[in-house]
Amino acid sequence: SVDEKRLFTIDDKRELLAQSQSEN
């Protein structure tokens, strides 16, 4: 049984980036 939502969205990526450590 798979998730009906197949792909991550642009908003999902923005949120994950905001939670991730960055350097320069």
mmCIF file of all heavy atoms, coordinates in Angstrom:
data_MODEL
# 
_entry.id   MODEL 
# 
loop_
_atom_site.group_PDB 
_atom_site.id 
_atom_site.type_symbol 
_atom_site.label_atom_id 
_atom_site.label_alt_id 
_atom_site.label_comp_id 
_atom_site.label_asym_id 
_atom_site.label_entity_id 
_atom_site.label_seq_id 
_atom_site.pdbx_PDB_ins_code 
_atom_site.Cartn_x 
_atom_site.Cartn_y 
_atom_site.Cartn_z 
_atom_site.occupancy 
_atom_site.B_iso_or_equiv 
_atom_site.pdbx_formal_charge 
_atom_site.auth_seq_id 
_atom_site.auth_comp_id 
_atom_site.auth_asym_id 
_atom_site.auth_atom_id 
_atom_site.pdbx_PDB_model_num 
ATOM 1   N N   . SER A 1 1  ? 0.851  -1.181 0.000  1.00 0.00 ? 1  SER A N   1 
ATOM 2   C CA  . SER A 1 1  ? 0.000  0.000  0.000  1.00 0.00 ? 1  SER A CA  1 
ATOM 3   C C   . SER A 1 1  ? 0.891  1.237  0.000  1.00 0.00 ? 1  SER A C   1 
ATOM 4   O O   . SER A 1 1  ? 1.648  1.465  0.940  1.00 0.00 ? 1  SER A O   1 
ATOM 5   C CB  . SER A 1 1  ? -0.910 0.003  1.230  1.00 0.00 ? 1  SER A CB  1 
ATOM 6   O OG  . SER A 1 1  ? -1.689 1.175  1.264  1.00 0.00 ? 1  SER A OG  1 
ATOM 7   N N   . VAL A 1 2  ? 0.834  2.013  -1.079 1.00 0.00 ? 2  VAL A N   1 
ATOM 8   C CA  . VAL A 1 2  ? 1.727  3.157  -1.207 1.00 0.00 ? 2  VAL A CA  1 
ATOM 9   C C   . VAL A 1 2  ? 1.002  4.466  -0.903 1.00 0.00 ? 2  VAL A C   1 
ATOM 10  O O   . VAL A 1 2  ? -0.227 4.556  -0.997 1.00 0.00 ? 2  VAL A O   1 
ATOM 11  C CB  . VAL A 1 2  ? 2.334  3.233  -2.634 1.00 0.00 ? 2  VAL A CB  1 
ATOM 12  C CG1 . VAL A 1 2  ? 3.200  2.029  -2.905 1.00 0.00 ? 2  VAL A CG1 1 
ATOM 13  C CG2 . VAL A 1 2  ? 1.248  3.354  -3.679 1.00 0.00 ? 2  VAL A CG2 1 
ATOM 14  N N   . ASP A 1 3  ? 1.784  5.457  -0.544 1.00 0.00 ? 3  ASP A N   1 
ATOM 15  C CA  . ASP A 1 3  ? 1.261  6.799  -0.266 1.00 0.00 ? 3  ASP A CA  1 
ATOM 16  C C   . ASP A 1 3  ? 0.676  7.384  -1.551 1.00 0.00 ? 3  ASP A C   1 
ATOM 17  O O   . ASP A 1 3  ? 1.305  7.324  -2.602 1.00 0.00 ? 3  ASP A O   1 
ATOM 18  C CB  . ASP A 1 3  ? 2.403  7.681  0.250  1.00 0.00 ? 3  ASP A CB  1 
ATOM 19  C CG  . ASP A 1 3  ? 1.906  8.969  0.888  1.00 0.00 ? 3  ASP A CG  1 
ATOM 20  O OD1 . ASP A 1 3  ? 0.810  9.433  0.517  1.00 0.00 ? 3  ASP A OD1 1 
ATOM 21  O OD2 . ASP A 1 3  ? 2.606  9.509  1.767  1.00 0.00 ? 3  ASP A OD2 1 
ATOM 22  N N   . GLU A 1 4  ? -0.549 7.932  -1.467 1.00 0.00 ? 4  GLU A N   1 
ATOM 23  C CA  . GLU A 1 4  ? -1.156 8.523  -2.662 1.00 0.00 ? 4  GLU A CA  1 
ATOM 24  C C   . GLU A 1 4  ? -0.347 9.707  -3.162 1.00 0.00 ? 4  GLU A C   1 
ATOM 25  O O   . GLU A 1 4  ? -0.321 9.994  -4.359 1.00 0.00 ? 4  GLU A O   1 
ATOM 26  C CB  . GLU A 1 4  ? -2.592 8.955  -2.362 1.00 0.00 ? 4  GLU A CB  1 
ATOM 27  C CG  . GLU A 1 4  ? -3.550 7.778  -2.201 1.00 0.00 ? 4  GLU A CG  1 
ATOM 28  C CD  . GLU A 1 4  ? -4.991 8.228  -2.104 1.00 0.00 ? 4  GLU A CD  1 
ATOM 29  O OE1 . GLU A 1 4  ? -5.256 9.428  -2.341 1.00 0.00 ? 4  GLU A OE1 1 
ATOM 30  O OE2 . GLU A 1 4  ? -5.849 7.388  -1.800 1.00 0.00 ? 4  GLU A OE2 1 
ATOM 31  N N   . LYS A 1 5  ? 0.324  10.413 -2.253 1.00 0.00 ? 5  LYS A N   1 
ATOM 32  C CA  . LYS A 1 5  ? 1.190  11.518 -2.660 1.00 0.00 ? 5  LYS A CA  1 
ATOM 33  C C   . LYS A 1 5  ? 2.520  10.921 -3.093 1.00 0.00 ? 5  LYS A C   1 
ATOM 34  O O   . LYS A 1 5  ? 3.244  10.361 -2.290 1.00 0.00 ? 5  LYS A O   1 
ATOM 35  C CB  . LYS A 1 5  ? 1.396  12.498 -1.502 1.00 0.00 ? 5  LYS A CB  1 
ATOM 36  C CG  . LYS A 1 5  ? 2.288  13.682 -1.856 1.00 0.00 ? 5  LYS A CG  1 
ATOM 37  C CD  . LYS A 1 5  ? 2.497  14.602 -0.649 1.00 0.00 ? 5  LYS A CD  1 
ATOM 38  C CE  . LYS A 1 5  ? 3.449  15.728 -0.987 1.00 0.00 ? 5  LYS A CE  1 
ATOM 39  N NZ  . LYS A 1 5  ? 3.745  16.599 0.186  1.00 0.00 ? 5  LYS A NZ  1 
ATOM 40  N N   . ARG A 1 6  ? 2.840  11.049 -4.372 1.00 0.00 ? 6  ARG A N   1 
ATOM 41  C CA  . ARG A 1 6  ? 4.050  10.410 -4.904 1.00 0.00 ? 6  ARG A CA  1 
ATOM 42  C C   . ARG A 1 6  ? 5.284  11.280 -4.766 1.00 0.00 ? 6  ARG A C   1 
ATOM 43  O O   . ARG A 1 6  ? 6.346  10.794 -4.389 1.00 0.00 ? 6  ARG A O   1 
ATOM 44  C CB  . ARG A 1 6  ? 3.825  10.064 -6.394 1.00 0.00 ? 6  ARG A CB  1 
ATOM 45  C CG  . ARG A 1 6  ? 5.064  9.519  -7.093 1.00 0.00 ? 6  ARG A CG  1 
ATOM 46  C CD  . ARG A 1 6  ? 5.476  8.188  -6.510 1.00 0.00 ? 6  ARG A CD  1 
ATOM 47  N NE  . ARG A 1 6  ? 6.726  7.713  -7.048 1.00 0.00 ? 6  ARG A NE  1 
ATOM 48  C CZ  . ARG A 1 6  ? 7.915  7.911  -6.512 1.00 0.00 ? 6  ARG A CZ  1 
ATOM 49  N NH1 . ARG A 1 6  ? 8.042  8.626  -5.395 1.00 0.00 ? 6  ARG A NH1 1 
ATOM 50  N NH2 . ARG A 1 6  ? 9.005  7.409  -7.056 1.00 0.00 ? 6  ARG A NH2 1 
ATOM 51  N N   . LEU A 1 7  ? 5.183  12.573 -5.080 1.00 0.00 ? 7  LEU A N   1 
ATOM 52  C CA  . LEU A 1 7  ? 6.367  13.432 -5.145 1.00 0.00 ? 7  LEU A CA  1 
ATOM 53  C C   . LEU A 1 7  ? 6.351  14.490 -4.049 1.00 0.00 ? 7  LEU A C   1 
ATOM 54  O O   . LEU A 1 7  ? 5.298  14.970 -3.637 1.00 0.00 ? 7  LEU A O   1 
ATOM 55  C CB  . LEU A 1 7  ? 6.438  14.135 -6.503 1.00 0.00 ? 7  LEU A CB  1 
ATOM 56  C CG  . LEU A 1 7  ? 6.614  13.256 -7.728 1.00 0.00 ? 7  LEU A CG  1 
ATOM 57  C CD1 . LEU A 1 7  ? 6.594  14.113 -8.985 1.00 0.00 ? 7  LEU A CD1 1 
ATOM 58  C CD2 . LEU A 1 7  ? 7.898  12.463 -7.657 1.00 0.00 ? 7  LEU A CD2 1 
ATOM 59  N N   . PHE A 1 8  ? 7.556  14.851 -3.617 1.00 0.00 ? 8  PHE A N   1 
ATOM 60  C CA  . PHE A 1 8  ? 7.699  16.001 -2.729 1.00 0.00 ? 8  PHE A CA  1 
ATOM 61  C C   . PHE A 1 8  ? 7.504  17.274 -3.549 1.00 0.00 ? 8  PHE A C   1 
ATOM 62  O O   . PHE A 1 8  ? 7.861  17.335 -4.718 1.00 0.00 ? 8  PHE A O   1 
ATOM 63  C CB  . PHE A 1 8  ? 9.091  15.998 -2.083 1.00 0.00 ? 8  PHE A CB  1 
ATOM 64  C CG  . PHE A 1 8  ? 9.303  14.868 -1.119 1.00 0.00 ? 8  PHE A CG  1 
ATOM 65  C CD1 . PHE A 1 8  ? 10.076 13.771 -1.470 1.00 0.00 ? 8  PHE A CD1 1 
ATOM 66  C CD2 . PHE A 1 8  ? 8.734  14.902 0.142  1.00 0.00 ? 8  PHE A CD2 1 
ATOM 67  C CE1 . PHE A 1 8  ? 10.274 12.721 -0.598 1.00 0.00 ? 8  PHE A CE1 1 
ATOM 68  C CE2 . PHE A 1 8  ? 8.923  13.857 1.036  1.00 0.00 ? 8  PHE A CE2 1 
ATOM 69  C CZ  . PHE A 1 8  ? 9.696  12.764 0.680  1.00 0.00 ? 8  PHE A CZ  1 
ATOM 70  N N   . THR A 1 9  ? 6.945  18.299 -2.922 1.00 0.00 ? 9  THR A N   1 
ATOM 71  C CA  . THR A 1 9  ? 6.678  19.552 -3.608 1.00 0.00 ? 9  THR A CA  1 
ATOM 72  C C   . THR A 1 9  ? 7.835  20.540 -3.400 1.00 0.00 ? 9  THR A C   1 
ATOM 73  O O   . THR A 1 9  ? 8.740  20.298 -2.594 1.00 0.00 ? 9  THR A O   1 
ATOM 74  C CB  . THR A 1 9  ? 5.387  20.193 -3.078 1.00 0.00 ? 9  THR A CB  1 
ATOM 75  O OG1 . THR A 1 9  ? 5.585  20.544 -1.697 1.00 0.00 ? 9  THR A OG1 1 
ATOM 76  C CG2 . THR A 1 9  ? 4.215  19.221 -3.198 1.00 0.00 ? 9  THR A CG2 1 
ATOM 77  N N   . ILE A 1 10 ? 7.765  21.658 -4.107 1.00 0.00 ? 10 ILE A N   1 
ATOM 78  C CA  . ILE A 1 10 ? 8.755  22.722 -3.928 1.00 0.00 ? 10 ILE A CA  1 
ATOM 79  C C   . ILE A 1 10 ? 8.699  23.239 -2.496 1.00 0.00 ? 10 ILE A C   1 
ATOM 80  O O   . ILE A 1 10 ? 9.728  23.518 -1.874 1.00 0.00 ? 10 ILE A O   1 
ATOM 81  C CB  . ILE A 1 10 ? 8.502  23.862 -4.937 1.00 0.00 ? 10 ILE A CB  1 
ATOM 82  C CG1 . ILE A 1 10 ? 8.774  23.370 -6.357 1.00 0.00 ? 10 ILE A CG1 1 
ATOM 83  C CG2 . ILE A 1 10 ? 9.367  25.082 -4.627 1.00 0.00 ? 10 ILE A CG2 1 
ATOM 84  C CD1 . ILE A 1 10 ? 8.423  24.364 -7.440 1.00 0.00 ? 10 ILE A CD1 1 
ATOM 85  N N   . ASP A 1 11 ? 7.483  23.350 -1.952 1.00 0.00 ? 11 ASP A N   1 
ATOM 86  C CA  . ASP A 1 11 ? 7.342  23.795 -0.561 1.00 0.00 ? 11 ASP A CA  1 
ATOM 87  C C   . ASP A 1 11 ? 7.974  22.803 0.402  1.00 0.00 ? 11 ASP A C   1 
ATOM 88  O O   . ASP A 1 11 ? 8.584  23.200 1.404  1.00 0.00 ? 11 ASP A O   1 
ATOM 89  C CB  . ASP A 1 11 ? 5.864  24.001 -0.217 1.00 0.00 ? 11 ASP A CB  1 
ATOM 90  C CG  . ASP A 1 11 ? 5.267  25.215 -0.916 1.00 0.00 ? 11 ASP A CG  1 
ATOM 91  O OD1 . ASP A 1 11 ? 6.049  26.122 -1.277 1.00 0.00 ? 11 ASP A OD1 1 
ATOM 92  O OD2 . ASP A 1 11 ? 4.036  25.249 -1.099 1.00 0.00 ? 11 ASP A OD2 1 
ATOM 93  N N   . ASP A 1 12 ? 7.836  21.504 0.107  1.00 0.00 ? 12 ASP A N   1 
ATOM 94  C CA  . ASP A 1 12 ? 8.487  20.483 0.941  1.00 0.00 ? 12 ASP A CA  1 
ATOM 95  C C   . ASP A 1 12 ? 10.000 20.684 0.942  1.00 0.00 ? 12 ASP A C   1 
ATOM 96  O O   . ASP A 1 12 ? 10.657 20.600 1.986  1.00 0.00 ? 12 ASP A O   1 
ATOM 97  C CB  . ASP A 1 12 ? 8.161  19.078 0.420  1.00 0.00 ? 12 ASP A CB  1 
ATOM 98  C CG  . ASP A 1 12 ? 6.719  18.679 0.635  1.00 0.00 ? 12 ASP A CG  1 
ATOM 99  O OD1 . ASP A 1 12 ? 6.099  19.209 1.571  1.00 0.00 ? 12 ASP A OD1 1 
ATOM 100 O OD2 . ASP A 1 12 ? 6.226  17.843 -0.133 1.00 0.00 ? 12 ASP A OD2 1 
ATOM 101 N N   . LYS A 1 13 ? 10.560 20.962 -0.239 1.00 0.00 ? 13 LYS A N   1 
ATOM 102 C CA  . LYS A 1 13 ? 12.005 21.148 -0.340 1.00 0.00 ? 13 LYS A CA  1 
ATOM 103 C C   . LYS A 1 13 ? 12.458 22.386 0.429  1.00 0.00 ? 13 LYS A C   1 
ATOM 104 O O   . LYS A 1 13 ? 13.479 22.359 1.121  1.00 0.00 ? 13 LYS A O   1 
ATOM 105 C CB  . LYS A 1 13 ? 12.421 21.256 -1.812 1.00 0.00 ? 13 LYS A CB  1 
ATOM 106 C CG  . LYS A 1 13 ? 13.940 21.320 -2.002 1.00 0.00 ? 13 LYS A CG  1 
ATOM 107 C CD  . LYS A 1 13 ? 14.332 21.312 -3.479 1.00 0.00 ? 13 LYS A CD  1 
ATOM 108 C CE  . LYS A 1 13 ? 15.852 21.344 -3.623 1.00 0.00 ? 13 LYS A CE  1 
ATOM 109 N NZ  . LYS A 1 13 ? 16.284 21.344 -5.035 1.00 0.00 ? 13 LYS A NZ  1 
ATOM 110 N N   . ARG A 1 14 ? 11.690 23.473 0.313  1.00 0.00 ? 14 ARG A N   1 
ATOM 111 C CA  . ARG A 1 14 ? 12.037 24.692 1.049  1.00 0.00 ? 14 ARG A CA  1 
ATOM 112 C C   . ARG A 1 14 ? 12.060 24.419 2.550  1.00 0.00 ? 14 ARG A C   1 
ATOM 113 O O   . ARG A 1 14 ? 12.958 24.871 3.267  1.00 0.00 ? 14 ARG A O   1 
ATOM 114 C CB  . ARG A 1 14 ? 11.020 25.799 0.745  1.00 0.00 ? 14 ARG A CB  1 
ATOM 115 C CG  . ARG A 1 14 ? 11.122 26.374 -0.659 1.00 0.00 ? 14 ARG A CG  1 
ATOM 116 C CD  . ARG A 1 14 ? 10.366 27.696 -0.740 1.00 0.00 ? 14 ARG A CD  1 
ATOM 117 N NE  . ARG A 1 14 ? 10.280 28.166 -2.122 1.00 0.00 ? 14 ARG A NE  1 
ATOM 118 C CZ  . ARG A 1 14 ? 9.199  28.098 -2.865 1.00 0.00 ? 14 ARG A CZ  1 
ATOM 119 N NH1 . ARG A 1 14 ? 8.087  27.579 -2.376 1.00 0.00 ? 14 ARG A NH1 1 
ATOM 120 N NH2 . ARG A 1 14 ? 9.205  28.560 -4.105 1.00 0.00 ? 14 ARG A NH2 1 
ATOM 121 N N   . GLU A 1 15 ? 11.062 23.664 3.025  1.00 0.00 ? 15 GLU A N   1 
ATOM 122 C CA  . GLU A 1 15 ? 10.983 23.365 4.457  1.00 0.00 ? 15 GLU A CA  1 
ATOM 123 C C   . GLU A 1 15 ? 12.138 22.486 4.906  1.00 0.00 ? 15 GLU A C   1 
ATOM 124 O O   . GLU A 1 15 ? 12.727 22.702 5.969  1.00 0.00 ? 15 GLU A O   1 
ATOM 125 C CB  . GLU A 1 15 ? 9.641  22.696 4.765  1.00 0.00 ? 15 GLU A CB  1 
ATOM 126 C CG  . GLU A 1 15 ? 9.358  22.600 6.264  1.00 0.00 ? 15 GLU A CG  1 
ATOM 127 C CD  . GLU A 1 15 ? 7.928  22.162 6.560  1.00 0.00 ? 15 GLU A CD  1 
ATOM 128 O OE1 . GLU A 1 15 ? 7.071  22.246 5.653  1.00 0.00 ? 15 GLU A OE1 1 
ATOM 129 O OE2 . GLU A 1 15 ? 7.675  21.739 7.708  1.00 0.00 ? 15 GLU A OE2 1 
ATOM 130 N N   . LEU A 1 16 ? 12.489 21.487 4.078  1.00 0.00 ? 16 LEU A N   1 
ATOM 131 C CA  . LEU A 1 16 ? 13.606 20.609 4.435  1.00 0.00 ? 16 LEU A CA  1 
ATOM 132 C C   . LEU A 1 16 ? 14.926 21.381 4.420  1.00 0.00 ? 16 LEU A C   1 
ATOM 133 O O   . LEU A 1 16 ? 15.785 21.171 5.287  1.00 0.00 ? 16 LEU A O   1 
ATOM 134 C CB  . LEU A 1 16 ? 13.671 19.429 3.459  1.00 0.00 ? 16 LEU A CB  1 
ATOM 135 C CG  . LEU A 1 16 ? 14.724 18.351 3.770  1.00 0.00 ? 16 LEU A CG  1 
ATOM 136 C CD1 . LEU A 1 16 ? 14.491 17.752 5.158  1.00 0.00 ? 16 LEU A CD1 1 
ATOM 137 C CD2 . LEU A 1 16 ? 14.696 17.247 2.722  1.00 0.00 ? 16 LEU A CD2 1 
ATOM 138 N N   . LEU A 1 17 ? 15.096 22.281 3.472  1.00 0.00 ? 17 LEU A N   1 
ATOM 139 C CA  . LEU A 1 17 ? 16.303 23.113 3.429  1.00 0.00 ? 17 LEU A CA  1 
ATOM 140 C C   . LEU A 1 17 ? 16.399 23.996 4.664  1.00 0.00 ? 17 LEU A C   1 
ATOM 141 O O   . LEU A 1 17 ? 17.486 24.191 5.227  1.00 0.00 ? 17 LEU A O   1 
ATOM 142 C CB  . LEU A 1 17 ? 16.309 23.978 2.161  1.00 0.00 ? 17 LEU A CB  1 
ATOM 143 C CG  . LEU A 1 17 ? 16.588 23.256 0.840  1.00 0.00 ? 17 LEU A CG  1 
ATOM 144 C CD1 . LEU A 1 17 ? 16.244 24.157 -0.345 1.00 0.00 ? 17 LEU A CD1 1 
ATOM 145 C CD2 . LEU A 1 17 ? 18.051 22.815 0.749  1.00 0.00 ? 17 LEU A CD2 1 
ATOM 146 N N   . ALA A 1 18 ? 15.248 24.524 5.079  1.00 0.00 ? 18 ALA A N   1 
ATOM 147 C CA  . ALA A 1 18 ? 15.232 25.382 6.265  1.00 0.00 ? 18 ALA A CA  1 
ATOM 148 C C   . ALA A 1 18 ? 15.644 24.618 7.522  1.00 0.00 ? 18 ALA A C   1 
ATOM 149 O O   . ALA A 1 18 ? 16.223 25.186 8.453  1.00 0.00 ? 18 ALA A O   1 
ATOM 150 C CB  . ALA A 1 18 ? 13.841 25.985 6.451  1.00 0.00 ? 18 ALA A CB  1 
ATOM 151 N N   . GLN A 1 19 ? 15.380 23.303 7.506  1.00 0.00 ? 19 GLN A N   1 
ATOM 152 C CA  . GLN A 1 19 ? 15.731 22.464 8.659  1.00 0.00 ? 19 GLN A CA  1 
ATOM 153 C C   . GLN A 1 19 ? 17.160 21.928 8.579  1.00 0.00 ? 19 GLN A C   1 
ATOM 154 O O   . GLN A 1 19 ? 17.655 21.336 9.530  1.00 0.00 ? 19 GLN A O   1 
ATOM 155 C CB  . GLN A 1 19 ? 14.767 21.271 8.750  1.00 0.00 ? 19 GLN A CB  1 
ATOM 156 C CG  . GLN A 1 19 ? 13.316 21.646 9.004  1.00 0.00 ? 19 GLN A CG  1 
ATOM 157 C CD  . GLN A 1 19 ? 12.399 20.441 8.939  1.00 0.00 ? 19 GLN A CD  1 
ATOM 158 O OE1 . GLN A 1 19 ? 12.851 19.293 8.856  1.00 0.00 ? 19 GLN A OE1 1 
ATOM 159 N NE2 . GLN A 1 19 ? 11.093 20.686 8.986  1.00 0.00 ? 19 GLN A NE2 1 
ATOM 160 N N   . SER A 1 20 ? 17.825 22.137 7.445  1.00 0.00 ? 20 SER A N   1 
ATOM 161 C CA  . SER A 1 20 ? 19.141 21.550 7.209  1.00 0.00 ? 20 SER A CA  1 
ATOM 162 C C   . SER A 1 20 ? 20.253 22.569 7.455  1.00 0.00 ? 20 SER A C   1 
ATOM 163 O O   . SER A 1 20 ? 20.080 23.774 7.256  1.00 0.00 ? 20 SER A O   1 
ATOM 164 C CB  . SER A 1 20 ? 19.240 21.037 5.758  1.00 0.00 ? 20 SER A CB  1 
ATOM 165 O OG  . SER A 1 20 ? 18.218 20.113 5.482  1.00 0.00 ? 20 SER A OG  1 
ATOM 166 N N   . GLN A 1 21 ? 21.396 22.064 7.863  1.00 0.00 ? 21 GLN A N   1 
ATOM 167 C CA  . GLN A 1 21 ? 22.563 22.915 8.090  1.00 0.00 ? 21 GLN A CA  1 
ATOM 168 C C   . GLN A 1 21 ? 23.145 23.366 6.751  1.00 0.00 ? 21 GLN A C   1 
ATOM 169 O O   . GLN A 1 21 ? 23.201 22.595 5.801  1.00 0.00 ? 21 GLN A O   1 
ATOM 170 C CB  . GLN A 1 21 ? 23.628 22.144 8.875  1.00 0.00 ? 21 GLN A CB  1 
ATOM 171 C CG  . GLN A 1 21 ? 24.873 22.950 9.184  1.00 0.00 ? 21 GLN A CG  1 
ATOM 172 C CD  . GLN A 1 21 ? 25.935 22.113 9.893  1.00 0.00 ? 21 GLN A CD  1 
ATOM 173 O OE1 . GLN A 1 21 ? 25.709 20.942 10.178 1.00 0.00 ? 21 GLN A OE1 1 
ATOM 174 N NE2 . GLN A 1 21 ? 27.074 22.712 10.163 1.00 0.00 ? 21 GLN A NE2 1 
ATOM 175 N N   . SER A 1 22 ? 23.569 24.624 6.679  1.00 0.00 ? 22 SER A N   1 
ATOM 176 C CA  . SER A 1 22 ? 24.168 25.135 5.453  1.00 0.00 ? 22 SER A CA  1 
ATOM 177 C C   . SER A 1 22 ? 25.505 25.790 5.749  1.00 0.00 ? 22 SER A C   1 
ATOM 178 O O   . SER A 1 22 ? 25.749 26.265 6.866  1.00 0.00 ? 22 SER A O   1 
ATOM 179 C CB  . SER A 1 22 ? 23.240 26.138 4.766  1.00 0.00 ? 22 SER A CB  1 
ATOM 180 O OG  . SER A 1 22 ? 23.078 27.295 5.566  1.00 0.00 ? 22 SER A OG  1 
ATOM 181 N N   . GLU A 1 23 ? 26.373 25.813 4.731  1.00 0.00 ? 23 GLU A N   1 
ATOM 182 C CA  . GLU A 1 23 ? 27.670 26.477 4.824  1.00 0.00 ? 23 GLU A CA  1 
ATOM 183 C C   . GLU A 1 23 ? 27.898 27.269 3.552  1.00 0.00 ? 23 GLU A C   1 
ATOM 184 O O   . GLU A 1 23 ? 27.919 26.699 2.461  1.00 0.00 ? 23 GLU A O   1 
ATOM 185 C CB  . GLU A 1 23 ? 28.804 25.465 5.008  1.00 0.00 ? 23 GLU A CB  1 
ATOM 186 C CG  . GLU A 1 23 ? 28.833 24.815 6.385  1.00 0.00 ? 23 GLU A CG  1 
ATOM 187 C CD  . GLU A 1 23 ? 30.090 23.977 6.582  1.00 0.00 ? 23 GLU A CD  1 
ATOM 188 O OE1 . GLU A 1 23 ? 30.995 24.030 5.725  1.00 0.00 ? 23 GLU A OE1 1 
ATOM 189 O OE2 . GLU A 1 23 ? 30.152 23.251 7.593  1.00 0.00 ? 23 GLU A OE2 1 
ATOM 190 N N   . ASN A 1 24 ? 28.008 28.566 3.696  1.00 0.00 ? 24 ASN A N   1 
ATOM 191 C CA  . ASN A 1 24 ? 28.222 29.454 2.548  1.00 0.00 ? 24 ASN A CA  1 
ATOM 192 C C   . ASN A 1 24 ? 27.160 29.266 1.471  1.00 0.00 ? 24 ASN A C   1 
ATOM 193 O O   . ASN A 1 24 ? 27.451 29.262 0.270  1.00 0.00 ? 24 ASN A O   1 
ATOM 194 C CB  . ASN A 1 24 ? 29.616 29.242 1.949  1.00 0.00 ? 24 ASN A CB  1 
ATOM 195 C CG  . ASN A 1 24 ? 30.723 29.509 2.950  1.00 0.00 ? 24 ASN A CG  1 
ATOM 196 O OD1 . ASN A 1 24 ? 30.664 30.486 3.695  1.00 0.00 ? 24 ASN A OD1 1 
ATOM 197 N ND2 . ASN A 1 24 ? 31.731 28.631 2.978  1.00 0.00 ? 24 ASN A ND2 1 
# 
